[in-house]
Protein backbone atom coordinates (compact mmCIF):
# COMPACT_ATOMS: atom_id res chain seq x y z
CA MET A 1 -8.16 -69.59 28.26
CA THR A 2 -4.61 -69.46 29.13
CA GLY A 3 -3.11 -66.87 32.55
CA SER A 4 -1.76 -64.43 30.28
CA THR A 5 -5.16 -64.06 28.15
CA ARG A 6 -7.20 -63.84 31.49
CA ARG A 7 -4.90 -60.88 32.46
CA ARG A 8 -4.99 -59.37 29.05
CA LEU A 9 -9.26 -59.71 28.70
CA PRO A 10 -10.04 -56.52 31.23
CA LEU A 11 -7.84 -54.87 29.80
CA ALA A 12 -9.21 -54.53 26.43
CA LEU A 13 -12.84 -54.74 27.96
CA ALA A 14 -11.71 -50.98 29.95
CA LEU A 15 -10.54 -50.13 26.85
CA LEU A 16 -13.60 -50.93 24.72
CA ALA A 17 -15.80 -49.43 27.72
CA THR A 18 -13.60 -46.40 27.26
CA PHE A 19 -14.14 -46.12 23.69
CA GLY A 20 -17.72 -47.02 23.52
CA ALA A 21 -18.38 -44.17 26.06
CA LEU A 22 -16.37 -41.59 24.17
CA THR A 23 -17.98 -42.50 20.90
CA GLY A 24 -21.55 -42.35 22.67
CA ALA A 25 -20.55 -38.64 24.30
CA ALA A 26 -19.55 -37.97 20.05
CA LEU A 27 -22.65 -38.68 18.96
CA ARG A 28 -24.87 -36.90 21.63
CA PRO A 29 -25.94 -33.58 20.42
CA GLY A 30 -24.78 -30.92 22.08
CA VAL A 31 -21.83 -32.63 22.72
CA ALA A 32 -18.66 -31.21 20.51
CA GLU A 33 -16.32 -33.54 19.49
CA ALA A 34 -14.43 -33.45 16.01
CA ASN A 35 -15.52 -36.67 14.69
CA SER A 36 -19.17 -36.23 15.33
CA PRO A 37 -21.03 -36.40 12.37
CA ALA A 38 -22.81 -33.58 14.10
CA VAL A 39 -20.21 -31.12 14.21
CA LEU A 40 -18.34 -29.40 11.67
CA GLY A 41 -14.43 -29.62 10.68
CA ASP A 42 -12.34 -26.66 9.18
CA GLU A 43 -15.33 -25.35 6.70
CA GLY A 44 -12.96 -25.24 3.78
CA ASP A 45 -10.63 -22.07 5.25
CA THR A 46 -7.50 -20.92 4.58
CA PRO A 47 -5.46 -19.31 7.48
CA LEU A 48 -4.29 -16.82 5.78
CA LEU A 49 -7.95 -15.69 4.49
CA ARG A 50 -9.71 -16.04 7.81
CA ASP A 51 -6.78 -14.22 9.83
CA VAL A 52 -7.11 -11.49 6.99
CA LEU A 53 -11.22 -11.09 7.55
CA GLU A 54 -10.83 -11.31 11.11
CA SER A 55 -8.02 -8.48 11.38
CA THR A 56 -9.78 -6.15 8.59
CA GLY A 57 -13.16 -6.52 10.02
CA ARG A 58 -11.98 -5.69 13.53
CA GLY A 59 -9.92 -2.48 12.20
CA TYR A 60 -12.84 -1.59 10.66
CA LEU A 61 -15.47 -1.84 13.20
CA GLN A 62 -13.39 0.29 15.62
CA ALA A 63 -12.50 2.84 13.35
CA ARG A 64 -16.48 2.86 12.17
CA ASN A 65 -16.79 3.29 16.03
CA ALA A 66 -13.87 6.27 17.01
CA LEU A 67 -15.62 7.82 13.60
CA ALA A 68 -19.23 7.85 15.34
CA ASN A 69 -17.23 8.94 18.43
CA ALA A 70 -16.05 11.92 16.27
CA GLN A 71 -19.16 13.03 15.08
CA ALA A 72 -20.83 13.00 18.21
CA ARG A 73 -18.25 14.94 19.55
CA GLN A 74 -18.57 17.24 16.45
CA ALA A 75 -22.64 17.95 16.73
CA ARG A 76 -21.70 18.97 20.39
CA ILE A 77 -18.96 21.18 19.87
CA ALA A 78 -21.03 22.81 16.88
CA ALA A 79 -24.02 23.33 19.32
CA GLU A 80 -21.45 24.48 21.94
CA LEU A 81 -20.12 27.00 19.25
CA ARG A 82 -23.96 27.88 17.85
CA ARG A 83 -24.60 28.47 21.63
CA VAL A 84 -21.49 30.99 22.18
CA GLU A 85 -22.16 32.91 18.68
CA GLY A 86 -25.66 33.37 20.07
CA ARG A 87 -24.19 35.10 22.97
CA ILE A 88 -21.65 37.30 21.19
CA ALA A 89 -24.30 38.24 18.67
CA GLU A 90 -26.61 39.35 22.58
CA LEU A 91 -23.46 41.55 23.82
CA ARG A 92 -22.42 42.97 20.71
CA PRO A 93 -25.25 45.76 21.06
CA ARG A 94 -24.30 46.57 24.79
CA VAL A 95 -20.42 46.77 23.58
CA GLU A 96 -20.81 49.19 20.45
CA GLN A 97 -23.02 51.26 23.39
CA VAL A 98 -20.00 51.37 25.64
CA ALA A 99 -17.75 52.11 22.49
CA ARG A 100 -20.08 54.91 21.59
CA ALA A 101 -20.12 56.22 25.20
CA ALA A 102 -16.62 56.32 25.13
CA TYR A 103 -16.00 57.60 22.06
CA ARG A 104 -18.58 61.13 23.10
CA THR A 105 -17.14 61.46 26.79
CA GLY A 106 -13.46 60.70 26.06
CA ARG A 107 -11.12 60.48 29.07
CA ILE A 108 -11.99 63.32 31.31
CA GLY A 109 -15.51 63.08 30.78
CA PRO A 110 -16.15 61.36 34.15
CA VAL A 111 -14.05 63.97 36.02
CA LEU A 112 -16.26 66.96 34.50
CA VAL A 113 -19.05 65.04 35.64
CA LEU A 114 -17.69 64.92 39.33
CA LEU A 115 -16.41 69.01 39.09
CA HIS A 116 -20.05 70.05 38.15
CA SER A 117 -21.55 68.79 41.27
CA GLY A 118 -23.28 71.30 43.42
CA SER A 119 -22.64 69.72 46.68
CA ALA A 120 -20.94 66.78 48.85
CA ASP A 121 -23.78 64.71 48.90
CA GLU A 122 -24.26 65.47 44.91
CA LEU A 123 -20.52 64.56 44.54
CA LEU A 124 -20.71 61.52 46.08
CA GLU A 125 -24.20 60.07 44.56
CA ARG A 126 -22.72 61.06 40.91
CA ALA A 127 -19.59 58.95 42.03
CA ARG A 128 -21.78 55.90 42.52
CA GLY A 129 -23.73 56.40 39.25
CA LEU A 130 -20.37 56.61 37.39
CA GLU A 131 -19.05 53.42 39.35
CA ALA A 132 -21.85 51.62 38.57
CA VAL A 133 -21.70 52.60 34.80
CA ALA A 134 -18.20 51.69 34.75
CA LEU A 135 -18.94 48.10 36.25
CA ARG A 136 -21.60 47.51 33.94
CA ASP A 137 -19.31 48.42 31.10
CA ASN A 138 -16.57 46.37 31.93
CA ASP A 139 -19.25 43.60 32.78
CA ALA A 140 -20.02 43.48 28.93
CA LEU A 141 -16.31 43.87 27.74
CA ARG A 142 -15.17 40.82 29.91
CA ASP A 143 -18.65 39.08 28.88
CA LEU A 144 -18.17 39.91 24.96
CA GLY A 145 -14.14 38.48 25.64
CA GLN A 146 -14.73 35.03 27.78
CA ALA A 147 -17.66 34.45 24.52
CA ARG A 148 -15.11 35.07 21.92
CA GLN A 149 -12.50 32.97 23.89
CA ARG A 150 -14.90 30.13 24.14
CA ALA A 151 -15.69 30.60 20.54
CA ALA A 152 -12.25 30.07 19.29
CA ARG A 153 -11.59 26.98 21.40
CA ALA A 154 -14.70 25.16 20.04
CA LYS A 155 -13.54 26.24 16.92
CA GLN A 156 -10.44 24.41 17.24
CA ALA A 157 -11.28 21.77 18.84
CA LEU A 158 -14.15 21.42 16.08
CA ASP A 159 -11.31 21.18 13.66
CA ALA A 160 -9.47 18.44 15.40
CA GLU A 161 -12.80 16.25 15.32
CA VAL A 162 -12.85 17.05 11.59
CA ALA A 163 -9.35 15.95 11.01
CA GLU A 164 -10.13 12.91 13.31
CA GLU A 165 -13.17 12.31 11.16
CA ARG A 166 -10.75 11.94 8.38
CA ARG A 167 -8.42 9.89 9.53
CA GLN A 168 -10.87 7.35 10.71
CA LEU A 169 -12.35 7.20 7.34
CA ALA A 170 -9.15 6.52 5.52
CA ILE A 171 -8.67 3.56 7.87
CA MET A 172 -11.55 2.27 7.44
CA LEU A 173 -11.03 2.15 3.23
CA ARG A 174 -8.23 0.56 4.19
CA GLN A 175 -9.84 -1.91 6.01
CA LYS A 176 -12.60 -2.26 3.31
CA GLN A 177 -9.99 -2.78 0.20
CA ALA A 178 -7.51 -4.77 2.17
CA ALA A 179 -10.67 -6.90 2.96
CA GLU A 180 -11.89 -7.11 -0.69
CA ARG A 181 -8.53 -8.30 -2.07
CA ALA A 182 -8.46 -11.36 0.37
CA LEU A 183 -11.93 -12.08 -1.09
CA ALA A 184 -10.57 -11.77 -4.65
CA ARG A 185 -8.45 -14.17 -4.42
CA VAL A 186 -11.32 -16.98 -3.73
CA GLY A 187 -13.38 -15.36 -6.09
CA GLY A 188 -15.12 -12.95 -4.20
CA ALA A 189 -17.47 -11.13 -6.17
CA SER A 190 -20.55 -9.02 -4.85
CA THR A 191 -23.92 -10.71 -4.60
CA GLY A 192 -26.31 -8.69 -2.55
CA GLY A 193 -26.78 -10.92 -0.36
CA PHE A 194 -29.55 -12.03 2.23
CA VAL A 195 -30.79 -8.75 3.28
CA VAL A 196 -34.01 -8.62 4.97
CA ALA A 197 -35.70 -4.96 6.22
CA SER A 198 -38.44 -6.82 8.19
CA SER A 199 -36.04 -9.11 10.03
CA PRO A 200 -36.91 -9.30 13.91
CA VAL A 201 -34.58 -7.11 15.95
CA ALA A 202 -32.13 -8.32 18.68
CA ARG A 203 -31.76 -6.77 21.49
CA PRO A 204 -28.32 -4.95 21.64
CA ALA A 205 -25.27 -6.98 23.72
CA PRO A 206 -23.53 -4.28 26.41
CA ARG A 207 -20.84 -2.55 24.94
CA ALA A 208 -17.87 -0.50 26.83
CA ALA A 209 -18.54 3.50 27.96
CA ASP A 210 -17.45 5.00 24.63
CA GLY A 211 -19.92 2.79 22.72
CA SER A 212 -16.59 -0.11 21.72
CA TRP A 213 -16.77 -3.51 21.69
CA PRO A 214 -14.74 -4.64 24.59
CA PRO A 215 -12.82 -8.04 24.25
CA GLN A 216 -14.08 -11.11 25.87
CA SER A 217 -12.72 -14.06 27.10
CA CYS A 218 -14.34 -17.45 26.92
CA SER A 219 -15.68 -17.23 30.32
CA GLN A 220 -19.67 -18.15 29.87
CA PRO A 221 -20.85 -22.12 29.25
CA ASP A 222 -21.61 -23.12 25.63
CA PRO A 223 -25.37 -24.26 25.79
CA THR A 224 -24.59 -26.03 22.59
CA THR A 225 -21.11 -28.20 24.25
CA THR A 226 -19.30 -28.87 26.65
CA GLY A 227 -16.80 -26.19 26.09
CA CYS A 228 -17.08 -22.34 26.70
CA VAL A 229 -18.59 -19.02 25.25
CA THR A 230 -17.80 -15.34 25.30
CA PRO A 231 -20.29 -13.37 26.64
CA ARG A 232 -21.13 -11.66 23.82
CA THR A 233 -21.34 -15.07 21.70
CA LEU A 234 -24.05 -16.06 24.55
CA HIS A 235 -25.77 -13.22 23.71
CA ALA A 236 -25.80 -13.64 19.89
CA TYR A 237 -26.70 -17.43 20.56
CA GLY A 238 -29.82 -16.48 23.32
CA GLU A 239 -30.58 -13.68 20.90
CA ALA A 240 -31.42 -15.75 17.69
CA ARG A 241 -33.01 -18.38 19.64
CA ARG A 242 -35.55 -15.80 20.98
CA ALA A 243 -36.35 -14.78 16.91
CA GLY A 244 -37.09 -18.07 16.28
CA PHE A 245 -34.07 -19.94 15.02
CA THR A 246 -33.99 -22.69 17.25
CA ARG A 247 -32.63 -25.86 14.87
CA PHE A 248 -29.57 -27.88 15.84
CA THR A 249 -26.15 -25.49 17.18
CA GLY A 250 -22.81 -25.66 17.56
CA CYS A 251 -20.10 -23.07 18.96
CA TYR A 252 -17.17 -24.23 20.70
CA ARG A 253 -15.12 -26.59 18.98
CA SER A 254 -11.27 -27.35 20.15
CA GLY A 255 -8.33 -27.04 18.05
CA GLY A 256 -7.63 -24.87 15.01
CA PRO A 257 -6.99 -20.83 14.67
CA TYR A 258 -10.29 -19.80 14.25
CA GLU A 259 -13.08 -18.06 16.81
CA HIS A 260 -14.91 -21.54 17.54
CA PRO A 261 -11.92 -22.65 20.21
CA LYS A 262 -11.93 -18.83 21.33
CA GLY A 263 -15.71 -18.74 22.28
CA ARG A 264 -16.27 -16.46 19.32
CA ALA A 265 -17.94 -18.62 16.62
CA CYS A 266 -21.67 -20.46 16.10
CA ASP A 267 -22.53 -22.68 13.15
CA PHE A 268 -26.32 -22.81 13.30
CA SER A 269 -27.66 -25.83 11.28
CA ALA A 270 -30.15 -25.48 8.43
CA GLU A 271 -31.90 -28.51 9.04
CA ALA A 272 -33.63 -29.74 12.01
CA GLY A 273 -31.61 -32.67 12.67
CA GLY A 274 -28.09 -31.23 12.58
CA PHE A 275 -25.14 -30.76 9.91
CA HIS A 276 -26.45 -32.80 6.91
CA GLY A 277 -26.32 -32.65 3.01
CA ALA A 278 -26.73 -28.86 1.28
CA ALA A 279 -30.32 -27.25 2.39
CA GLU A 280 -33.00 -27.12 0.07
CA GLY A 281 -36.47 -25.67 0.15
CA ALA A 282 -38.04 -24.79 3.38
CA ASP A 283 -34.36 -25.45 4.97
CA ARG A 284 -32.24 -23.07 2.76
CA THR A 285 -35.15 -20.20 3.49
CA TYR A 286 -34.18 -20.99 7.16
CA GLY A 287 -31.06 -20.12 6.75
CA ASN A 288 -31.55 -17.31 4.41
CA ASN A 289 -33.95 -15.81 7.09
CA LEU A 290 -31.40 -16.30 9.81
CA ALA A 291 -27.83 -15.23 7.71
CA ALA A 292 -30.62 -11.94 7.38
CA TYR A 293 -31.37 -11.75 10.97
CA PHE A 294 -27.70 -11.57 11.92
CA VAL A 295 -26.86 -9.06 9.31
CA ARG A 296 -29.46 -6.60 10.36
CA ASN A 297 -28.42 -6.78 14.02
CA ALA A 298 -24.82 -6.64 13.64
CA ASP A 299 -24.45 -3.52 15.29
CA ARG A 300 -26.61 -4.92 17.87
CA LEU A 301 -24.85 -7.96 18.51
CA GLY A 302 -21.36 -7.31 17.49
CA VAL A 303 -21.19 -9.43 14.24
CA LEU A 304 -17.64 -9.64 12.94
CA TYR A 305 -18.87 -12.07 9.78
CA VAL A 306 -21.69 -14.38 8.33
CA ILE A 307 -20.85 -17.06 6.31
CA TRP A 308 -23.91 -18.88 4.14
CA TYR A 309 -24.36 -20.40 0.91
CA ARG A 310 -20.78 -19.76 -0.36
CA GLN A 311 -21.66 -16.09 0.43
CA ILE A 312 -20.01 -14.17 3.28
CA TRP A 313 -21.42 -10.93 4.94
CA LEU A 314 -18.38 -8.49 6.47
CA PRO A 315 -19.19 -4.79 7.96
CA THR A 316 -16.37 -3.97 5.42
CA THR A 317 -17.75 -5.39 2.19
CA GLY A 318 -21.39 -6.11 2.50
CA TRP A 319 -22.12 -9.93 1.03
CA LYS A 320 -19.43 -11.55 -1.22
CA SER A 321 -19.28 -14.86 -3.10
CA TYR A 322 -16.67 -16.55 -0.90
CA GLY A 323 -14.61 -19.69 -1.41
CA GLY A 324 -15.66 -21.39 -3.85
CA ALA A 325 -17.06 -25.18 -4.35
CA HIS A 326 -15.13 -27.24 -2.20
CA GLY A 327 -17.36 -30.10 -2.83
CA ASP A 328 -18.61 -30.95 0.66
CA PRO A 329 -21.69 -28.77 2.11
CA SER A 330 -19.54 -28.11 5.58
CA SER A 331 -16.64 -26.39 3.23
CA ASP A 332 -19.45 -24.63 1.19
CA HIS A 333 -21.60 -23.35 4.45
CA THR A 334 -24.61 -24.58 2.14
CA ASN A 335 -25.66 -26.63 5.53
CA HIS A 336 -25.17 -24.25 8.36
CA VAL A 337 -24.87 -20.46 8.60
CA HIS A 338 -21.66 -19.84 10.47
CA LEU A 339 -21.41 -16.62 12.65
CA SER A 340 -18.14 -14.67 14.14
CA LEU A 341 -18.60 -12.30 16.55
CA ILE A 342 -15.82 -9.44 17.79
């Protein structure tokens, strides 16, 4: 062995050891690297399609939340309007009585009452009585006027909420149509998909004070890889496992424009040992049940879309056929359930 060979040998051994360490890490379950057989690639999606699905889904969910808020405000305003109208109905007899008394006595009535007083004490007593009547009448008139003003404001606010409701419904319709057009390009026909009313109920993820889903960063350690996930993704992952869906899962994946590198997506394998061939038998039933679980709990978990067995579920469209046959289980989503969160 020459001196030059001896000098190169340690370097070669070091490189070999480094390669072996990296390869070992890639093959360990729970550590996500692109070349691991237990980790998926790009799953056969086009950037344009995925961008459309994400934007329409987010827009639809935001509009739906705004619609729910508008409808809740409508209900409160309508209840207030009913209370005000009830108060007006209560005040109306008193005001009519005041009007009849004013018509009978005219403006000079109170003066005549005072002139016919027999003594100074009687005059004072009658004056006090007239003052009490005037105060009572003025209160009734003022209360009626205020009630009518409140009713007018409530009706105006109610009209504004109805207009907002119509605006949000129009937004939702546009987002639905955009998503359907995008899916139509890849054969997105309605399928009925996986919906099971008896699916377990998940505990809801935290929302903002107005009921919306606030943006979240990739800030939590991913329990399935060495990467990160959002708090909402971590919650959905934990709820799925709590419901009994405990098979191999991979969430964070570096690279690419989609939700995995943002910590907003997880792939749940249908087989217990990882992502392999197309699921069949009990494994396919497991995937069906998991997809149905996410759909039933979409509002509780903040689900953006679910993909399983060449089908995709979005809040805008329901279940649609998706992507056609790419020839491999990962791209066709026949070996795993893909979950994306808002």
